[in-house]
Amino acid sequence: MLASNTVQILVGDSRQVLGQVEPGTVQCCVTSPPYWGLRDYDHGKQIGAESSPEGYVSSLVAVFQGVRRALRDNGTLWLNVGDGYARNGGTGRSGPNALVGNTKKLIQQRNCKVPNCWGLKDRDLMGLPWRIAFALQEDGWLLRSKITWIKKAPMPESVKNRPSNATEELFLFAKNPNYYYDSRAVREKSGANLRNYWILGPDSSGVPHPAVFPRELARRCILLGSQPGDVVLDPFSGSGTTGVVAAQSSRRAILVELNSVYAQQSRSRIAQDLQLTMIL
């Protein structure tokens, strides 16, 4: 059992490593998996490098089967995931239908081809967040809410034929209908029930990871979905933000990271920021 304010980091593929987590011990999962075809995390088993978005969705369903096994019966899953466009032709920062090709900035580069699935056409928005949500729903998860994360400082886009993207989706799933949710933990400034759009800005993790979500996003999910002393899980820990915020909120955390370099960076960040017990 994890001691109070302890962060444990497991290195490996979540599809295998989650089997080390005792069933029914995690209260909530807060995570943001790699987006399909966007970045190369320099590992042969990385999720997001599948040859098709259908394979990507299947990979995530398998991961979250392990998450569901680890959750308590009243546990929840908070899932942030981004979308992308199907494109034909072009090179350079070719985006979410590219095969993995490592670059200094971890952006994939290759000629593009529209994936042969879902009736996708050139320049189609793929709808990946909802395709993942529906696949998880079909696999047994209870889909309870869609929250829109409105970014205060979105990445600039040079497009001229559509609005620039400035939002991402965050889904709340439950393992069972009677799940834990503390509506008093986070409220609107007026004191009203929290609404399903969150205006959040970026913050720095202090580590060279290419994709870091805001601490406030993790904080809200953790406070709404757990109590002090509970265990919070992130199967795609990246820079360790979920672990940092869980410990700051008097929770325990289990983080899973495929890339050993990122795992070590997370250990250093957490130890430096929080000076708490780490299980190596």
C-alpha atoms as a PDB file:
ATOM      1  CA  MET A   1       0.000   0.000   0.000  1.00  0.00           C
ATOM      2  CA  LEU A   2       1.246   3.486  -0.853  1.00  0.00           C
ATOM      3  CA  ALA A   3       2.071   5.716   2.091  1.00  0.00           C
ATOM      4  CA  SER A   4       0.416   9.129   2.410  1.00  0.00           C
ATOM      5  CA  ASN A   5       1.644  11.673  -0.175  1.00  0.00           C
ATOM      6  CA  THR A   6       3.636   9.039  -2.059  1.00  0.00           C
ATOM      7  CA  VAL A   7       4.124   9.005  -5.808  1.00  0.00           C
ATOM      8  CA  GLN A   8       5.025   5.710  -7.472  1.00  0.00           C
ATOM      9  CA  ILE A   9       6.325   5.695 -11.040  1.00  0.00           C
ATOM     10  CA  LEU A  10       6.114   2.483 -13.055  1.00  0.00           C
ATOM     11  CA  VAL A  11       8.146   2.343 -16.268  1.00  0.00           C
ATOM     12  CA  GLY A  12       6.718   0.398 -19.185  1.00  0.00           C
ATOM     13  CA  ASP A  13       3.759  -0.064 -21.516  1.00  0.00           C
ATOM     14  CA  SER A  14       0.502   0.636 -19.661  1.00  0.00           C
ATOM     15  CA  ARG A  15      -1.115  -2.319 -21.396  1.00  0.00           C
ATOM     16  CA  GLN A  16       1.246  -4.576 -19.427  1.00  0.00           C
ATOM     17  CA  VAL A  17       2.339  -2.508 -16.419  1.00  0.00           C
ATOM     18  CA  LEU A  18      -1.168  -1.811 -15.123  1.00  0.00           C
ATOM     19  CA  GLY A  19      -1.361  -5.492 -14.215  1.00  0.00           C
ATOM     20  CA  GLN A  20       0.989  -4.639 -11.326  1.00  0.00           C
ATOM     21  CA  VAL A  21      -1.638  -2.369  -9.762  1.00  0.00           C
ATOM     22  CA  GLU A  22      -3.832  -4.143  -7.247  1.00  0.00           C
ATOM     23  CA  PRO A  23      -7.438  -4.298  -8.532  1.00  0.00           C
ATOM     24  CA  GLY A  24      -9.882  -1.897  -6.937  1.00  0.00           C
ATOM     25  CA  THR A  25      -7.280   0.366  -5.314  1.00  0.00           C
ATOM     26  CA  VAL A  26      -7.449   3.487  -7.511  1.00  0.00           C
ATOM     27  CA  GLN A  27     -10.144   6.111  -6.939  1.00  0.00           C
ATOM     28  CA  CYS A  28      -9.744   8.120 -10.115  1.00  0.00           C
ATOM     29  CA  CYS A  29      -7.648   8.213 -13.267  1.00  0.00           C
ATOM     30  CA  VAL A  30      -6.606  11.549 -14.758  1.00  0.00           C
ATOM     31  CA  THR A  31      -4.727  11.331 -18.028  1.00  0.00           C
ATOM     32  CA  SER A  32      -3.975  12.678 -21.479  1.00  0.00           C
ATOM     33  CA  PRO A  33      -2.637  10.025 -23.872  1.00  0.00           C
ATOM     34  CA  PRO A  34      -0.364  10.857 -26.814  1.00  0.00           C
ATOM     35  CA  TYR A  35      -2.390  12.219 -29.698  1.00  0.00           C
ATOM     36  CA  TRP A  36      -2.403  10.139 -32.859  1.00  0.00           C
ATOM     37  CA  GLY A  37       0.367  10.951 -35.339  1.00  0.00           C
ATOM     38  CA  LEU A  38       1.398  14.185 -33.654  1.00  0.00           C
ATOM     39  CA  ARG A  39       4.687  13.476 -31.870  1.00  0.00           C
ATOM     40  CA  ASP A  40       7.395  10.841 -31.738  1.00  0.00           C
ATOM     41  CA  TYR A  41       8.185   9.880 -28.145  1.00  0.00           C
ATOM     42  CA  ASP A  42      11.178   7.812 -29.285  1.00  0.00           C
ATOM     43  CA  HIS A  43       9.923   4.369 -28.259  1.00  0.00           C
ATOM     44  CA  GLY A  44       8.924   1.418 -30.427  1.00  0.00           C
ATOM     45  CA  LYS A  45       5.788   0.650 -28.391  1.00  0.00           C
ATOM     46  CA  GLN A  46       4.465   4.199 -28.183  1.00  0.00           C
ATOM     47  CA  ILE A  47       0.743   4.762 -28.540  1.00  0.00           C
ATOM     48  CA  GLY A  48      -0.056   7.356 -31.178  1.00  0.00           C
ATOM     49  CA  ALA A  49       2.223   5.829 -33.814  1.00  0.00           C
ATOM     50  CA  GLU A  50      -0.307   3.280 -35.123  1.00  0.00           C
ATOM     51  CA  SER A  51      -0.671   2.988 -38.890  1.00  0.00           C
ATOM     52  CA  SER A  52      -4.319   4.078 -38.700  1.00  0.00           C
ATOM     53  CA  PRO A  53      -6.523   6.021 -36.286  1.00  0.00           C
ATOM     54  CA  GLU A  54      -8.612   2.862 -35.867  1.00  0.00           C
ATOM     55  CA  GLY A  55      -5.557   1.128 -34.419  1.00  0.00           C
ATOM     56  CA  TYR A  56      -4.994   4.086 -32.127  1.00  0.00           C
ATOM     57  CA  VAL A  57      -8.526   3.854 -30.764  1.00  0.00           C
ATOM     58  CA  SER A  58      -8.113   0.108 -30.192  1.00  0.00           C
ATOM     59  CA  SER A  59      -4.851   0.687 -28.323  1.00  0.00           C
ATOM     60  CA  LEU A  60      -6.526   3.155 -25.971  1.00  0.00           C
ATOM     61  CA  VAL A  61      -9.468   0.825 -25.334  1.00  0.00           C
ATOM     62  CA  ALA A  62      -6.942  -1.824 -24.234  1.00  0.00           C
ATOM     63  CA  VAL A  63      -5.187   0.608 -21.886  1.00  0.00           C
ATOM     64  CA  PHE A  64      -8.410   1.697 -20.241  1.00  0.00           C
ATOM     65  CA  GLN A  65      -9.488  -1.890 -19.702  1.00  0.00           C
ATOM     66  CA  GLY A  66      -6.491  -2.068 -17.375  1.00  0.00           C
ATOM     67  CA  VAL A  67      -7.500   1.222 -15.786  1.00  0.00           C
ATOM     68  CA  ARG A  68     -11.026  -0.050 -15.146  1.00  0.00           C
ATOM     69  CA  ARG A  69      -9.607  -3.137 -13.454  1.00  0.00           C
ATOM     70  CA  ALA A  70      -7.516  -0.916 -11.145  1.00  0.00           C
ATOM     71  CA  LEU A  71     -10.413   1.412 -10.244  1.00  0.00           C
ATOM     72  CA  ARG A  72     -12.658   1.055  -7.253  1.00  0.00           C
ATOM     73  CA  ASP A  73     -16.272   0.284  -8.064  1.00  0.00           C
ATOM     74  CA  ASN A  74     -17.140   3.976  -7.548  1.00  0.00           C
ATOM     75  CA  GLY A  75     -14.108   5.218  -9.492  1.00  0.00           C
ATOM     76  CA  THR A  76     -13.925   7.646 -12.411  1.00  0.00           C
ATOM     77  CA  LEU A  77     -11.793   8.291 -15.480  1.00  0.00           C
ATOM     78  CA  TRP A  78     -11.002  11.832 -16.638  1.00  0.00           C
ATOM     79  CA  LEU A  79      -9.681  11.698 -20.206  1.00  0.00           C
ATOM     80  CA  ASN A  80      -8.245  14.630 -22.176  1.00  0.00           C
ATOM     81  CA  VAL A  81      -7.580  13.913 -25.848  1.00  0.00           C
ATOM     82  CA  GLY A  82      -7.063  16.041 -28.935  1.00  0.00           C
ATOM     83  CA  ASP A  83      -8.360  15.896 -32.498  1.00  0.00           C
ATOM     84  CA  GLY A  84      -6.703  16.194 -35.893  1.00  0.00           C
ATOM     85  CA  TYR A  85      -7.297  16.607 -39.604  1.00  0.00           C
ATOM     86  CA  ALA A  86      -6.952  14.062 -42.391  1.00  0.00           C
ATOM     87  CA  ARG A  87      -4.654  15.417 -45.070  1.00  0.00           C
ATOM     88  CA  ASN A  88      -3.290  14.386 -48.458  1.00  0.00           C
ATOM     89  CA  GLY A  89       0.165  15.451 -49.613  1.00  0.00           C
ATOM     90  CA  GLY A  90       2.680  17.799 -48.082  1.00  0.00           C
ATOM     91  CA  THR A  91       5.754  17.390 -45.932  1.00  0.00           C
ATOM     92  CA  GLY A  92       7.071  18.962 -42.768  1.00  0.00           C
ATOM     93  CA  ARG A  93       4.888  19.322 -39.702  1.00  0.00           C
ATOM     94  CA  SER A  94       2.318  17.102 -41.292  1.00  0.00           C
ATOM     95  CA  GLY A  95       0.223  16.539 -38.223  1.00  0.00           C
ATOM     96  CA  PRO A  96      -2.200  13.892 -37.119  1.00  0.00           C
ATOM     97  CA  ASN A  97      -2.178  11.407 -39.985  1.00  0.00           C
ATOM     98  CA  ALA A  98       1.589  11.049 -40.254  1.00  0.00           C
ATOM     99  CA  LEU A  99       3.660   7.994 -39.502  1.00  0.00           C
ATOM    100  CA  VAL A 100       6.302   8.416 -36.853  1.00  0.00           C
ATOM    101  CA  GLY A 101       9.528  10.076 -37.894  1.00  0.00           C
ATOM    102  CA  ASN A 102      11.764  11.382 -35.151  1.00  0.00           C
ATOM    103  CA  THR A 103      12.869  15.027 -35.296  1.00  0.00           C
ATOM    104  CA  LYS A 104      14.592  17.363 -32.864  1.00  0.00           C
ATOM    105  CA  LYS A 105      11.234  18.883 -31.916  1.00  0.00           C
ATOM    106  CA  LEU A 106       9.522  15.471 -31.787  1.00  0.00           C
ATOM    107  CA  ILE A 107       7.149  16.528 -34.580  1.00  0.00           C
ATOM    108  CA  GLN A 108       6.478  13.844 -37.169  1.00  0.00           C
ATOM    109  CA  GLN A 109       7.500  14.545 -40.759  1.00  0.00           C
ATOM    110  CA  ARG A 110       6.511  12.621 -43.900  1.00  0.00           C
ATOM    111  CA  ASN A 111       4.235  12.695 -46.927  1.00  0.00           C
ATOM    112  CA  CYS A 112       0.610  12.457 -45.839  1.00  0.00           C
ATOM    113  CA  LYS A 113      -2.201  10.194 -46.908  1.00  0.00           C
ATOM    114  CA  VAL A 114      -5.793  10.256 -45.714  1.00  0.00           C
ATOM    115  CA  PRO A 115      -6.505   7.167 -43.571  1.00  0.00           C
ATOM    116  CA  ASN A 116      -8.774   4.648 -45.264  1.00  0.00           C
ATOM    117  CA  CYS A 117     -11.459   4.542 -42.570  1.00  0.00           C
ATOM    118  CA  TRP A 118     -14.614   6.268 -41.345  1.00  0.00           C
ATOM    119  CA  GLY A 119     -15.258   7.788 -44.777  1.00  0.00           C
ATOM    120  CA  LEU A 120     -12.495  10.334 -44.195  1.00  0.00           C
ATOM    121  CA  LYS A 121     -11.684  12.761 -46.988  1.00  0.00           C
ATOM    122  CA  ASP A 122      -8.867  15.230 -47.464  1.00  0.00           C
ATOM    123  CA  ARG A 123      -9.096  17.996 -44.829  1.00  0.00           C
ATOM    124  CA  ASP A 124     -11.758  16.182 -42.796  1.00  0.00           C
ATOM    125  CA  LEU A 125     -11.729  16.776 -39.055  1.00  0.00           C
ATOM    126  CA  MET A 126     -11.386  13.185 -37.799  1.00  0.00           C
ATOM    127  CA  GLY A 127     -13.438  13.507 -34.607  1.00  0.00           C
ATOM    128  CA  LEU A 128     -10.975  11.355 -32.662  1.00  0.00           C
ATOM    129  CA  PRO A 129     -12.053  12.413 -29.147  1.00  0.00           C
ATOM    130  CA  TRP A 130     -15.623  11.309 -29.763  1.00  0.00           C
ATOM    131  CA  ARG A 131     -14.593   8.138 -31.604  1.00  0.00           C
ATOM    132  CA  ILE A 132     -12.521   7.202 -28.547  1.00  0.00           C
ATOM    133  CA  ALA A 133     -15.373   8.138 -26.222  1.00  0.00           C
ATOM    134  CA  PHE A 134     -17.866   5.999 -28.121  1.00  0.00           C
ATOM    135  CA  ALA A 135     -15.418   3.065 -28.241  1.00  0.00           C
ATOM    136  CA  LEU A 136     -14.941   3.259 -24.467  1.00  0.00           C
ATOM    137  CA  GLN A 137     -18.702   3.533 -23.996  1.00  0.00           C
ATOM    138  CA  GLU A 138     -19.178   0.415 -26.107  1.00  0.00           C
ATOM    139  CA  ASP A 139     -16.508  -1.341 -24.032  1.00  0.00           C
ATOM    140  CA  GLY A 140     -18.504  -0.802 -20.842  1.00  0.00           C
ATOM    141  CA  TRP A 141     -17.600   2.659 -19.549  1.00  0.00           C
ATOM    142  CA  LEU A 142     -20.382   5.028 -18.512  1.00  0.00           C
ATOM    143  CA  LEU A 143     -19.913   8.339 -20.342  1.00  0.00           C
ATOM    144  CA  ARG A 144     -21.119  11.051 -17.959  1.00  0.00           C
ATOM    145  CA  SER A 145     -19.867  14.391 -19.250  1.00  0.00           C
ATOM    146  CA  LYS A 146     -17.989  16.210 -21.987  1.00  0.00           C
ATOM    147  CA  ILE A 147     -16.045  19.235 -20.756  1.00  0.00           C
ATOM    148  CA  THR A 148     -14.596  21.759 -23.189  1.00  0.00           C
ATOM    149  CA  TRP A 149     -11.144  23.020 -22.243  1.00  0.00           C
ATOM    150  CA  ILE A 150     -10.877  26.557 -23.636  1.00  0.00           C
ATOM    151  CA  LYS A 151      -7.209  27.479 -23.962  1.00  0.00           C
ATOM    152  CA  LYS A 152      -6.111  30.954 -22.942  1.00  0.00           C
ATOM    153  CA  ALA A 153      -2.985  30.634 -25.090  1.00  0.00           C
ATOM    154  CA  PRO A 154      -3.661  28.162 -27.929  1.00  0.00           C
ATOM    155  CA  MET A 155      -1.058  27.208 -30.494  1.00  0.00           C
ATOM    156  CA  PRO A 156      -1.246  29.645 -33.438  1.00  0.00           C
ATOM    157  CA  GLU A 157      -2.465  28.334 -36.783  1.00  0.00           C
ATOM    158  CA  SER A 158      -1.966  29.851 -40.239  1.00  0.00           C
ATOM    159  CA  VAL A 159      -5.280  28.538 -41.638  1.00  0.00           C
ATOM    160  CA  LYS A 160      -7.549  30.874 -43.589  1.00  0.00           C
ATOM    161  CA  ASN A 161     -10.470  28.561 -44.435  1.00  0.00           C
ATOM    162  CA  ARG A 162     -11.727  27.692 -40.916  1.00  0.00           C
ATOM    163  CA  PRO A 163     -11.565  29.083 -37.376  1.00  0.00           C
ATOM    164  CA  SER A 164      -8.328  28.400 -35.505  1.00  0.00           C
ATOM    165  CA  ASN A 165      -8.496  25.647 -32.899  1.00  0.00           C
ATOM    166  CA  ALA A 166      -8.498  26.839 -29.305  1.00  0.00           C
ATOM    167  CA  THR A 167     -10.281  24.012 -27.445  1.00  0.00           C
ATOM    168  CA  GLU A 168      -9.853  20.369 -26.489  1.00  0.00           C
ATOM    169  CA  GLU A 169     -12.204  17.770 -25.065  1.00  0.00           C
ATOM    170  CA  LEU A 170     -12.160  16.320 -21.564  1.00  0.00           C
ATOM    171  CA  PHE A 171     -14.452  13.359 -20.867  1.00  0.00           C
ATOM    172  CA  LEU A 172     -15.699  12.110 -17.526  1.00  0.00           C
ATOM    173  CA  PHE A 173     -16.318   8.346 -17.471  1.00  0.00           C
ATOM    174  CA  ALA A 174     -17.510   6.207 -14.563  1.00  0.00           C
ATOM    175  CA  LYS A 175     -16.936   2.548 -13.882  1.00  0.00           C
ATOM    176  CA  ASN A 176     -20.479   2.178 -12.474  1.00  0.00           C
ATOM    177  CA  PRO A 177     -23.584   4.387 -12.116  1.00  0.00           C
ATOM    178  CA  ASN A 178     -22.958   4.997  -8.396  1.00  0.00           C
ATOM    179  CA  TYR A 179     -19.618   6.780  -8.631  1.00  0.00           C
ATOM    180  CA  TYR A 180     -17.841   9.285  -6.392  1.00  0.00           C
ATOM    181  CA  TYR A 181     -18.111  12.927  -7.471  1.00  0.00           C
ATOM    182  CA  ASP A 182     -17.696  15.825  -5.045  1.00  0.00           C
ATOM    183  CA  SER A 183     -19.590  18.721  -6.612  1.00  0.00           C
ATOM    184  CA  ARG A 184     -18.578  20.979  -3.696  1.00  0.00           C
ATOM    185  CA  ALA A 185     -14.844  20.571  -4.305  1.00  0.00           C
ATOM    186  CA  VAL A 186     -14.715  22.980  -7.265  1.00  0.00           C
ATOM    187  CA  ARG A 187     -17.362  25.634  -7.837  1.00  0.00           C
ATOM    188  CA  GLU A 188     -17.941  28.589 -10.104  1.00  0.00           C
ATOM    189  CA  LYS A 189     -16.931  31.982  -8.658  1.00  0.00           C
ATOM    190  CA  SER A 190     -20.621  32.644  -8.007  1.00  0.00           C
ATOM    191  CA  GLY A 191     -20.839  29.459  -5.937  1.00  0.00           C
ATOM    192  CA  ALA A 192     -22.903  27.699  -8.605  1.00  0.00           C
ATOM    193  CA  ASN A 193     -22.276  24.151  -9.777  1.00  0.00           C
ATOM    194  CA  LEU A 194     -19.214  23.901 -12.002  1.00  0.00           C
ATOM    195  CA  ARG A 195     -20.044  24.249 -15.691  1.00  0.00           C
ATOM    196  CA  ASN A 196     -18.750  22.030 -18.482  1.00  0.00           C
ATOM    197  CA  TYR A 197     -16.363  24.566 -19.993  1.00  0.00           C
ATOM    198  CA  TRP A 198     -13.063  25.410 -18.332  1.00  0.00           C
ATOM    199  CA  ILE A 199     -10.997  28.420 -19.396  1.00  0.00           C
ATOM    200  CA  LEU A 200      -7.431  27.481 -18.507  1.00  0.00           C
ATOM    201  CA  GLY A 201      -4.011  28.802 -19.367  1.00  0.00           C
ATOM    202  CA  PRO A 202      -0.765  26.911 -19.855  1.00  0.00           C
ATOM    203  CA  ASP A 203       1.915  26.545 -17.216  1.00  0.00           C
ATOM    204  CA  SER A 204       5.456  25.267 -17.244  1.00  0.00           C
ATOM    205  CA  SER A 205       6.473  21.919 -15.817  1.00  0.00           C
ATOM    206  CA  GLY A 206      10.155  22.811 -15.804  1.00  0.00           C
ATOM    207  CA  VAL A 207      11.007  19.661 -17.775  1.00  0.00           C
ATOM    208  CA  PRO A 208      11.611  19.306 -21.539  1.00  0.00           C
ATOM    209  CA  HIS A 209       8.478  17.270 -22.271  1.00  0.00           C
ATOM    210  CA  PRO A 210       6.686  18.377 -25.480  1.00  0.00           C
ATOM    211  CA  ALA A 211       3.093  18.027 -24.235  1.00  0.00           C
ATOM    212  CA  VAL A 212       2.142  19.209 -20.749  1.00  0.00           C
ATOM    213  CA  PHE A 213      -1.434  19.890 -19.649  1.00  0.00           C
ATOM    214  CA  PRO A 214      -2.179  22.608 -17.067  1.00  0.00           C
ATOM    215  CA  ARG A 215      -1.943  21.820 -13.371  1.00  0.00           C
ATOM    216  CA  GLU A 216      -5.359  23.398 -12.880  1.00  0.00           C
ATOM    217  CA  LEU A 217      -6.963  20.901 -15.262  1.00  0.00           C
ATOM    218  CA  ALA A 218      -5.522  18.011 -13.234  1.00  0.00           C
ATOM    219  CA  ARG A 219      -6.396  19.713  -9.948  1.00  0.00           C
ATOM    220  CA  ARG A 220     -10.075  20.045 -10.813  1.00  0.00           C
ATOM    221  CA  CYS A 221     -10.375  16.430 -11.913  1.00  0.00           C
ATOM    222  CA  ILE A 222      -8.582  15.152  -8.810  1.00  0.00           C
ATOM    223  CA  LEU A 223     -10.620  17.241  -6.372  1.00  0.00           C
ATOM    224  CA  LEU A 224     -13.921  16.350  -8.030  1.00  0.00           C
ATOM    225  CA  GLY A 225     -13.114  12.653  -8.328  1.00  0.00           C
ATOM    226  CA  SER A 226     -11.299  11.736  -5.108  1.00  0.00           C
ATOM    227  CA  GLN A 227     -10.739  12.444  -1.427  1.00  0.00           C
ATOM    228  CA  PRO A 228      -7.540  13.081   0.572  1.00  0.00           C
ATOM    229  CA  GLY A 229      -5.580   9.846   0.948  1.00  0.00           C
ATOM    230  CA  ASP A 230      -7.054   8.282  -2.205  1.00  0.00           C
ATOM    231  CA  VAL A 231      -4.917   6.915  -5.046  1.00  0.00           C
ATOM    232  CA  VAL A 232      -4.881   8.760  -8.379  1.00  0.00           C
ATOM    233  CA  LEU A 233      -3.638   7.005 -11.520  1.00  0.00           C
ATOM    234  CA  ASP A 234      -2.133   8.349 -14.745  1.00  0.00           C
ATOM    235  CA  PRO A 235      -1.213   5.660 -17.319  1.00  0.00           C
ATOM    236  CA  PHE A 236       0.441   8.293 -19.579  1.00  0.00           C
ATOM    237  CA  SER A 237       2.274  10.367 -16.992  1.00  0.00           C
ATOM    238  CA  GLY A 238       4.620  12.287 -19.304  1.00  0.00           C
ATOM    239  CA  SER A 239       6.073  15.118 -17.245  1.00  0.00           C
ATOM    240  CA  GLY A 240       4.380  13.909 -14.058  1.00  0.00           C
ATOM    241  CA  THR A 241       1.813  16.695 -13.691  1.00  0.00           C
ATOM    242  CA  THR A 242      -0.888  14.375 -12.333  1.00  0.00           C
ATOM    243  CA  GLY A 243       1.498  13.088  -9.669  1.00  0.00           C
ATOM    244  CA  VAL A 244       2.580  16.582  -8.617  1.00  0.00           C
ATOM    245  CA  VAL A 245      -0.988  17.828  -8.287  1.00  0.00           C
ATOM    246  CA  ALA A 246      -2.184  14.653  -6.540  1.00  0.00           C
ATOM    247  CA  ALA A 247       0.531  14.998  -3.893  1.00  0.00           C
ATOM    248  CA  GLN A 248      -0.169  18.715  -3.458  1.00  0.00           C
ATOM    249  CA  SER A 249      -3.816  17.754  -2.890  1.00  0.00           C
ATOM    250  CA  SER A 250      -2.935  15.172  -0.197  1.00  0.00           C
ATOM    251  CA  ARG A 251      -3.561  12.240  -2.523  1.00  0.00           C
ATOM    252  CA  ARG A 252      -1.301   9.374  -3.456  1.00  0.00           C
ATOM    253  CA  ALA A 253      -0.409   8.672  -7.076  1.00  0.00           C
ATOM    254  CA  ILE A 254       0.616   5.864  -9.399  1.00  0.00           C
ATOM    255  CA  LEU A 255       2.154   7.058 -12.650  1.00  0.00           C
ATOM    256  CA  VAL A 256       2.997   4.911 -15.667  1.00  0.00           C
ATOM    257  CA  GLU A 257       5.488   6.157 -18.261  1.00  0.00           C
ATOM    258  CA  LEU A 258       6.784   4.239 -21.274  1.00  0.00           C
ATOM    259  CA  ASN A 259       9.894   6.363 -21.833  1.00  0.00           C
ATOM    260  CA  SER A 260      12.478   5.877 -19.074  1.00  0.00           C
ATOM    261  CA  VAL A 261      13.981   9.328 -19.717  1.00  0.00           C
ATOM    262  CA  TYR A 262      10.644  11.047 -19.080  1.00  0.00           C
ATOM    263  CA  ALA A 263      10.128   8.858 -16.024  1.00  0.00           C
ATOM    264  CA  GLN A 264      13.442   9.997 -14.556  1.00  0.00           C
ATOM    265  CA  GLN A 265      12.630  13.629 -15.359  1.00  0.00           C
ATOM    266  CA  SER A 266       9.331  13.193 -13.513  1.00  0.00           C
ATOM    267  CA  ARG A 267      11.081  11.707 -10.493  1.00  0.00           C
ATOM    268  CA  SER A 268      13.452  14.661 -10.333  1.00  0.00           C
ATOM    269  CA  ARG A 269      10.646  17.186 -10.790  1.00  0.00           C
ATOM    270  CA  ILE A 270       8.435  15.642  -8.117  1.00  0.00           C
ATOM    271  CA  ALA A 271      11.270  15.219  -5.630  1.00  0.00           C
ATOM    272  CA  GLN A 272      12.420  18.788  -6.150  1.00  0.00           C
ATOM    273  CA  ASP A 273       8.986  20.426  -6.151  1.00  0.00           C
ATOM    274  CA  LEU A 274       7.394  18.469  -3.337  1.00  0.00           C
ATOM    275  CA  GLN A 275      10.177  16.817  -1.340  1.00  0.00           C
ATOM    276  CA  LEU A 276       8.007  13.775  -0.738  1.00  0.00           C
ATOM    277  CA  THR A 277       8.565  10.033  -0.757  1.00  0.00           C
ATOM    278  CA  MET A 278       9.202   8.495  -4.151  1.00  0.00           C
ATOM    279  CA  ILE A 279       8.998   4.748  -4.847  1.00  0.00           C
ATOM    280  CA  LEU A 280      11.666   4.024  -7.458  1.00  0.00           C
END
